[in-house]
Amino acid sequence: MLDNIIDPLRRLKKFSYSGTPLAGCSLEKFNFRMVIINPYIAFYRVIENKVLVYRALHCARDYAHLLKESIK
């Protein structure tokens, strides 16, 4: 399962902006992007040409709340 999560994240090294931007939520201002790795979602930001992965959460979780807590 770990390989199923890590492999798509490694692709972000070449294609940093390939993930979907978060829109329509209070996290929009932080420029988070997400990659769906069923049944998980990985959340990341691109800052100064570096990909920073913040969390990988199960799709059933309240990701907006958990991401807000992790950036405080």
PDB file of N, CA and C in Angstrom:
ATOM      1  N   MET A   1       0.826  -1.198   0.000  1.00  0.00           N
ATOM      2  CA  MET A   1       0.000   0.000   0.000  1.00  0.00           C
ATOM      3  C   MET A   1       0.869   1.261   0.000  1.00  0.00           C
ATOM      4  N   LEU A   2       1.975   1.205   0.727  1.00  0.00           N
ATOM      5  CA  LEU A   2       2.856   2.363   0.782  1.00  0.00           C
ATOM      6  C   LEU A   2       3.388   2.717  -0.609  1.00  0.00           C
ATOM      7  N   ASP A   3       3.753   1.722  -1.409  1.00  0.00           N
ATOM      8  CA  ASP A   3       4.218   1.982  -2.781  1.00  0.00           C
ATOM      9  C   ASP A   3       3.124   2.634  -3.620  1.00  0.00           C
ATOM     10  N   ASN A   4       1.872   2.225  -3.388  1.00  0.00           N
ATOM     11  CA  ASN A   4       0.747   2.807  -4.120  1.00  0.00           C
ATOM     12  C   ASN A   4       0.587   4.292  -3.806  1.00  0.00           C
ATOM     13  N   ILE A   5       1.030   4.708  -2.628  1.00  0.00           N
ATOM     14  CA  ILE A   5       0.946   6.117  -2.239  1.00  0.00           C
ATOM     15  C   ILE A   5       2.193   6.875  -2.685  1.00  0.00           C
ATOM     16  N   ILE A   6       3.351   6.298  -2.487  1.00  0.00           N
ATOM     17  CA  ILE A   6       4.622   6.980  -2.776  1.00  0.00           C
ATOM     18  C   ILE A   6       4.834   7.210  -4.270  1.00  0.00           C
ATOM     19  N   ASP A   7       4.524   6.243  -5.105  1.00  0.00           N
ATOM     20  CA  ASP A   7       4.779   6.382  -6.546  1.00  0.00           C
ATOM     21  C   ASP A   7       4.118   7.620  -7.163  1.00  0.00           C
ATOM     22  N   PRO A   8       2.827   7.862  -6.939  1.00  0.00           N
ATOM     23  CA  PRO A   8       2.229   9.093  -7.502  1.00  0.00           C
ATOM     24  C   PRO A   8       2.866  10.364  -6.939  1.00  0.00           C
ATOM     25  N   LEU A   9       3.312  10.316  -5.682  1.00  0.00           N
ATOM     26  CA  LEU A   9       3.956  11.489  -5.099  1.00  0.00           C
ATOM     27  C   LEU A   9       5.320  11.746  -5.739  1.00  0.00           C
ATOM     28  N   ARG A  10       6.011  10.705  -6.110  1.00  0.00           N
ATOM     29  CA  ARG A  10       7.302  10.870  -6.790  1.00  0.00           C
ATOM     30  C   ARG A  10       7.131  11.546  -8.148  1.00  0.00           C
ATOM     31  N   ARG A  11       6.014  11.301  -8.799  1.00  0.00           N
ATOM     32  CA  ARG A  11       5.753  11.941 -10.095  1.00  0.00           C
ATOM     33  C   ARG A  11       5.636  13.456  -9.976  1.00  0.00           C
ATOM     34  N   LEU A  12       5.293  13.921  -8.773  1.00  0.00           N
ATOM     35  CA  LEU A  12       5.170  15.364  -8.567  1.00  0.00           C
ATOM     36  C   LEU A  12       6.517  16.068  -8.702  1.00  0.00           C
ATOM     37  N   LYS A  13       7.592  15.326  -8.585  1.00  0.00           N
ATOM     38  CA  LYS A  13       8.920  15.911  -8.756  1.00  0.00           C
ATOM     39  C   LYS A  13       9.064  16.523 -10.150  1.00  0.00           C
ATOM     40  N   LYS A  14       8.534  15.835 -11.161  1.00  0.00           N
ATOM     41  CA  LYS A  14       8.587  16.329 -12.544  1.00  0.00           C
ATOM     42  C   LYS A  14       7.375  17.179 -12.904  1.00  0.00           C
ATOM     43  N   PHE A  15       6.233  16.815 -12.380  1.00  0.00           N
ATOM     44  CA  PHE A  15       4.975  17.460 -12.759  1.00  0.00           C
ATOM     45  C   PHE A  15       4.319  18.065 -11.518  1.00  0.00           C
ATOM     46  N   SER A  16       4.952  19.072 -10.961  1.00  0.00           N
ATOM     47  CA  SER A  16       4.538  19.656  -9.683  1.00  0.00           C
ATOM     48  C   SER A  16       3.095  20.136  -9.664  1.00  0.00           C
ATOM     49  N   TYR A  17       2.634  20.659 -10.774  1.00  0.00           N
ATOM     50  CA  TYR A  17       1.293  21.239 -10.807  1.00  0.00           C
ATOM     51  C   TYR A  17       0.251  20.294 -11.401  1.00  0.00           C
ATOM     52  N   SER A  18       0.539  19.022 -11.427  1.00  0.00           N
ATOM     53  CA  SER A  18      -0.403  18.072 -12.019  1.00  0.00           C
ATOM     54  C   SER A  18      -1.580  17.764 -11.103  1.00  0.00           C
ATOM     55  N   GLY A  19      -1.438  18.028  -9.822  1.00  0.00           N
ATOM     56  CA  GLY A  19      -2.545  17.791  -8.893  1.00  0.00           C
ATOM     57  C   GLY A  19      -3.630  18.844  -9.064  1.00  0.00           C
ATOM     58  N   THR A  20      -4.794  18.535  -8.573  1.00  0.00           N
ATOM     59  CA  THR A  20      -5.945  19.422  -8.668  1.00  0.00           C
ATOM     60  C   THR A  20      -5.882  20.488  -7.579  1.00  0.00           C
ATOM     61  N   PRO A  21      -6.038  21.765  -7.942  1.00  0.00           N
ATOM     62  CA  PRO A  21      -6.064  22.804  -6.908  1.00  0.00           C
ATOM     63  C   PRO A  21      -7.320  22.686  -6.057  1.00  0.00           C
ATOM     64  N   LEU A  22      -7.180  22.962  -4.770  1.00  0.00           N
ATOM     65  CA  LEU A  22      -8.358  22.987  -3.903  1.00  0.00           C
ATOM     66  C   LEU A  22      -9.108  24.274  -4.176  1.00  0.00           C
ATOM     67  N   ALA A  23     -10.376  24.159  -4.421  1.00  0.00           N
ATOM     68  CA  ALA A  23     -11.194  25.329  -4.719  1.00  0.00           C
ATOM     69  C   ALA A  23     -12.496  25.240  -3.948  1.00  0.00           C
ATOM     70  N   GLY A  24     -13.039  26.389  -3.647  1.00  0.00           N
ATOM     71  CA  GLY A  24     -14.337  26.423  -2.998  1.00  0.00           C
ATOM     72  C   GLY A  24     -14.299  26.087  -1.523  1.00  0.00           C
ATOM     73  N   CYS A  25     -13.133  26.221  -0.893  1.00  0.00           N
ATOM     74  CA  CYS A  25     -13.064  26.005   0.549  1.00  0.00           C
ATOM     75  C   CYS A  25     -12.122  27.042   1.145  1.00  0.00           C
ATOM     76  N   SER A  26     -12.088  27.138   2.446  1.00  0.00           N
ATOM     77  CA  SER A  26     -11.286  28.162   3.108  1.00  0.00           C
ATOM     78  C   SER A  26      -9.786  27.942   2.942  1.00  0.00           C
ATOM     79  N   LEU A  27      -9.368  26.803   2.411  1.00  0.00           N
ATOM     80  CA  LEU A  27      -7.949  26.525   2.202  1.00  0.00           C
ATOM     81  C   LEU A  27      -7.439  27.041   0.869  1.00  0.00           C
ATOM     82  N   GLU A  28      -8.306  27.568   0.067  1.00  0.00           N
ATOM     83  CA  GLU A  28      -7.950  28.033  -1.275  1.00  0.00           C
ATOM     84  C   GLU A  28      -6.804  29.048  -1.239  1.00  0.00           C
ATOM     85  N   LYS A  29      -6.788  29.896  -0.224  1.00  0.00           N
ATOM     86  CA  LYS A  29      -5.769  30.951  -0.141  1.00  0.00           C
ATOM     87  C   LYS A  29      -4.360  30.412   0.099  1.00  0.00           C
ATOM     88  N   PHE A  30      -4.242  29.152   0.518  1.00  0.00           N
ATOM     89  CA  PHE A  30      -2.935  28.556   0.789  1.00  0.00           C
ATOM     90  C   PHE A  30      -2.355  27.833  -0.428  1.00  0.00           C
ATOM     91  N   ASN A  31      -3.087  27.824  -1.532  1.00  0.00           N
ATOM     92  CA  ASN A  31      -2.634  27.193  -2.783  1.00  0.00           C
ATOM     93  C   ASN A  31      -2.331  25.703  -2.634  1.00  0.00           C
ATOM     94  N   PHE A  32      -3.143  25.000  -1.876  1.00  0.00           N
ATOM     95  CA  PHE A  32      -3.001  23.555  -1.783  1.00  0.00           C
ATOM     96  C   PHE A  32      -3.451  22.912  -3.085  1.00  0.00           C
ATOM     97  N   ARG A  33      -2.843  21.806  -3.397  1.00  0.00           N
ATOM     98  CA  ARG A  33      -3.250  20.957  -4.510  1.00  0.00           C
ATOM     99  C   ARG A  33      -3.451  19.564  -3.923  1.00  0.00           C
ATOM    100  N   MET A  34      -4.166  18.720  -4.660  1.00  0.00           N
ATOM    101  CA  MET A  34      -4.384  17.365  -4.157  1.00  0.00           C
ATOM    102  C   MET A  34      -4.194  16.352  -5.269  1.00  0.00           C
ATOM    103  N   VAL A  35      -3.759  15.178  -4.843  1.00  0.00           N
ATOM    104  CA  VAL A  35      -3.613  14.035  -5.735  1.00  0.00           C
ATOM    105  C   VAL A  35      -4.433  12.914  -5.114  1.00  0.00           C
ATOM    106  N   ILE A  36      -5.337  12.363  -5.894  1.00  0.00           N
ATOM    107  CA  ILE A  36      -6.157  11.257  -5.390  1.00  0.00           C
ATOM    108  C   ILE A  36      -5.411   9.957  -5.627  1.00  0.00           C
ATOM    109  N   ILE A  37      -5.220   9.230  -4.536  1.00  0.00           N
ATOM    110  CA  ILE A  37      -4.555   7.923  -4.553  1.00  0.00           C
ATOM    111  C   ILE A  37      -5.518   6.989  -3.822  1.00  0.00           C
ATOM    112  N   ASN A  38      -6.531   6.580  -4.508  1.00  0.00           N
ATOM    113  CA  ASN A  38      -7.664   5.865  -3.929  1.00  0.00           C
ATOM    114  C   ASN A  38      -7.254   4.760  -2.961  1.00  0.00           C
ATOM    115  N   PRO A  39      -7.761   4.737  -1.740  1.00  0.00           N
ATOM    116  CA  PRO A  39      -8.787   5.566  -1.122  1.00  0.00           C
ATOM    117  C   PRO A  39      -8.232   6.753  -0.335  1.00  0.00           C
ATOM    118  N   TYR A  40      -7.094   7.281  -0.720  1.00  0.00           N
ATOM    119  CA  TYR A  40      -6.474   8.396  -0.012  1.00  0.00           C
ATOM    120  C   TYR A  40      -6.403   9.626  -0.912  1.00  0.00           C
ATOM    121  N   ILE A  41      -6.201  10.764  -0.258  1.00  0.00           N
ATOM    122  CA  ILE A  41      -5.930  12.013  -0.951  1.00  0.00           C
ATOM    123  C   ILE A  41      -4.677  12.588  -0.312  1.00  0.00           C
ATOM    124  N   ALA A  42      -3.703  12.938  -1.145  1.00  0.00           N
ATOM    125  CA  ALA A  42      -2.486  13.585  -0.647  1.00  0.00           C
ATOM    126  C   ALA A  42      -2.588  15.072  -0.957  1.00  0.00           C
ATOM    127  N   PHE A  43      -2.264  15.888   0.031  1.00  0.00           N
ATOM    128  CA  PHE A  43      -2.350  17.337  -0.101  1.00  0.00           C
ATOM    129  C   PHE A  43      -0.951  17.921  -0.076  1.00  0.00           C
ATOM    130  N   TYR A  44      -0.707  18.828  -1.016  1.00  0.00           N
ATOM    131  CA  TYR A  44       0.633  19.398  -1.113  1.00  0.00           C
ATOM    132  C   TYR A  44       0.561  20.833  -1.608  1.00  0.00           C
ATOM    133  N   ARG A  45       1.695  21.521  -1.462  1.00  0.00           N
ATOM    134  CA  ARG A  45       1.858  22.865  -1.995  1.00  0.00           C
ATOM    135  C   ARG A  45       3.189  22.915  -2.727  1.00  0.00           C
ATOM    136  N   VAL A  46       3.276  23.790  -3.722  1.00  0.00           N
ATOM    137  CA  VAL A  46       4.534  24.027  -4.420  1.00  0.00           C
ATOM    138  C   VAL A  46       5.023  25.397  -3.951  1.00  0.00           C
ATOM    139  N   ILE A  47       6.177  25.384  -3.293  1.00  0.00           N
ATOM    140  CA  ILE A  47       6.758  26.621  -2.771  1.00  0.00           C
ATOM    141  C   ILE A  47       8.213  26.686  -3.219  1.00  0.00           C
ATOM    142  N   GLU A  48       8.535  27.752  -3.944  1.00  0.00           N
ATOM    143  CA  GLU A  48       9.893  27.951  -4.445  1.00  0.00           C
ATOM    144  C   GLU A  48      10.411  26.716  -5.178  1.00  0.00           C
ATOM    145  N   ASN A  49       9.597  26.196  -6.085  1.00  0.00           N
ATOM    146  CA  ASN A  49       9.936  25.025  -6.917  1.00  0.00           C
ATOM    147  C   ASN A  49      10.137  23.742  -6.120  1.00  0.00           C
ATOM    148  N   LYS A  50       9.662  23.701  -4.898  1.00  0.00           N
ATOM    149  CA  LYS A  50       9.722  22.481  -4.086  1.00  0.00           C
ATOM    150  C   LYS A  50       8.302  22.004  -3.807  1.00  0.00           C
ATOM    151  N   VAL A  51       8.112  20.702  -3.857  1.00  0.00           N
ATOM    152  CA  VAL A  51       6.821  20.107  -3.532  1.00  0.00           C
ATOM    153  C   VAL A  51       6.842  19.717  -2.061  1.00  0.00           C
ATOM    154  N   LEU A  52       5.923  20.289  -1.300  1.00  0.00           N
ATOM    155  CA  LEU A  52       5.809  19.991   0.123  1.00  0.00           C
ATOM    156  C   LEU A  52       4.505  19.241   0.361  1.00  0.00           C
ATOM    157  N   VAL A  53       4.603  17.978   0.712  1.00  0.00           N
ATOM    158  CA  VAL A  53       3.416  17.163   0.991  1.00  0.00           C
ATOM    159  C   VAL A  53       3.067  17.346   2.461  1.00  0.00           C
ATOM    160  N   TYR A  54       1.842  17.762   2.713  1.00  0.00           N
ATOM    161  CA  TYR A  54       1.411  18.039   4.074  1.00  0.00           C
ATOM    162  C   TYR A  54       0.738  16.847   4.734  1.00  0.00           C
ATOM    163  N   ARG A  55      -0.163  16.237   4.018  1.00  0.00           N
ATOM    164  CA  ARG A  55      -0.928  15.125   4.605  1.00  0.00           C
ATOM    165  C   ARG A  55      -1.374  14.180   3.504  1.00  0.00           C
ATOM    166  N   ALA A  56      -1.560  12.948   3.907  1.00  0.00           N
ATOM    167  CA  ALA A  56      -2.264  11.965   3.085  1.00  0.00           C
ATOM    168  C   ALA A  56      -3.367  11.430   3.982  1.00  0.00           C
ATOM    169  N   LEU A  57      -4.597  11.630   3.566  1.00  0.00           N
ATOM    170  CA  LEU A  57      -5.748  11.285   4.399  1.00  0.00           C
ATOM    171  C   LEU A  57      -6.688  10.354   3.648  1.00  0.00           C
ATOM    172  N   HIS A  58      -7.380   9.538   4.404  1.00  0.00           N
ATOM    173  CA  HIS A  58      -8.420   8.705   3.817  1.00  0.00           C
ATOM    174  C   HIS A  58      -9.523   9.618   3.295  1.00  0.00           C
ATOM    175  N   CYS A  59     -10.097   9.276   2.172  1.00  0.00           N
ATOM    176  CA  CYS A  59     -11.116  10.108   1.528  1.00  0.00           C
ATOM    177  C   CYS A  59     -12.322  10.418   2.423  1.00  0.00           C
ATOM    178  N   ALA A  60     -12.572   9.578   3.401  1.00  0.00           N
ATOM    179  CA  ALA A  60     -13.733   9.770   4.258  1.00  0.00           C
ATOM    180  C   ALA A  60     -13.498  10.809   5.355  1.00  0.00           C
ATOM    181  N   ARG A  61     -12.261  11.268   5.526  1.00  0.00           N
ATOM    182  CA  ARG A  61     -11.932  12.226   6.585  1.00  0.00           C
ATOM    183  C   ARG A  61     -12.358  13.645   6.215  1.00  0.00           C
ATOM    184  N   ASP A  62     -12.495  14.492   7.226  1.00  0.00           N
ATOM    185  CA  ASP A  62     -12.811  15.904   7.036  1.00  0.00           C
ATOM    186  C   ASP A  62     -11.505  16.633   6.746  1.00  0.00           C
ATOM    187  N   TYR A  63     -11.073  16.603   5.477  1.00  0.00           N
ATOM    188  CA  TYR A  63      -9.737  17.079   5.147  1.00  0.00           C
ATOM    189  C   TYR A  63      -9.563  18.580   5.367  1.00  0.00           C
ATOM    190  N   ALA A  64     -10.586  19.376   5.135  1.00  0.00           N
ATOM    191  CA  ALA A  64     -10.438  20.822   5.312  1.00  0.00           C
ATOM    192  C   ALA A  64     -10.068  21.152   6.750  1.00  0.00           C
ATOM    193  N   HIS A  65     -10.744  20.542   7.679  1.00  0.00           N
ATOM    194  CA  HIS A  65     -10.459  20.783   9.098  1.00  0.00           C
ATOM    195  C   HIS A  65      -9.058  20.299   9.471  1.00  0.00           C
ATOM    196  N   LEU A  66      -8.685  19.114   9.037  1.00  0.00           N
ATOM    197  CA  LEU A  66      -7.382  18.549   9.389  1.00  0.00           C
ATOM    198  C   LEU A  66      -6.231  19.331   8.767  1.00  0.00           C
ATOM    199  N   LEU A  67      -6.388  19.816   7.552  1.00  0.00           N
ATOM    200  CA  LEU A  67      -5.346  20.619   6.936  1.00  0.00           C
ATOM    201  C   LEU A  67      -5.177  21.962   7.622  1.00  0.00           C
ATOM    202  N   LYS A  68      -6.287  22.561   8.025  1.00  0.00           N
ATOM    203  CA  LYS A  68      -6.198  23.826   8.754  1.00  0.00           C
ATOM    204  C   LYS A  68      -5.388  23.646  10.028  1.00  0.00           C
ATOM    205  N   GLU A  69      -5.622  22.551  10.710  1.00  0.00           N
ATOM    206  CA  GLU A  69      -4.900  22.284  11.954  1.00  0.00           C
ATOM    207  C   GLU A  69      -3.409  22.075  11.692  1.00  0.00           C
ATOM    208  N   SER A  70      -3.055  21.456  10.588  1.00  0.00           N
ATOM    209  CA  SER A  70      -1.646  21.137  10.327  1.00  0.00           C
ATOM    210  C   SER A  70      -0.837  22.350   9.866  1.00  0.00           C
ATOM    211  N   ILE A  71      -1.488  23.425   9.405  1.00  0.00           N
ATOM    212  CA  ILE A  71      -0.734  24.594   8.961  1.00  0.00           C
ATOM    213  C   ILE A  71      -0.680  25.681  10.024  1.00  0.00           C
ATOM    214  N   LYS A  72      -1.281  25.478  11.166  1.00  0.00           N
ATOM    215  CA  LYS A  72      -1.230  26.471  12.253  1.00  0.00           C
ATOM    216  C   LYS A  72       0.143  26.521  12.864  1.00  0.00           C
TER     217      LYS A  72
END
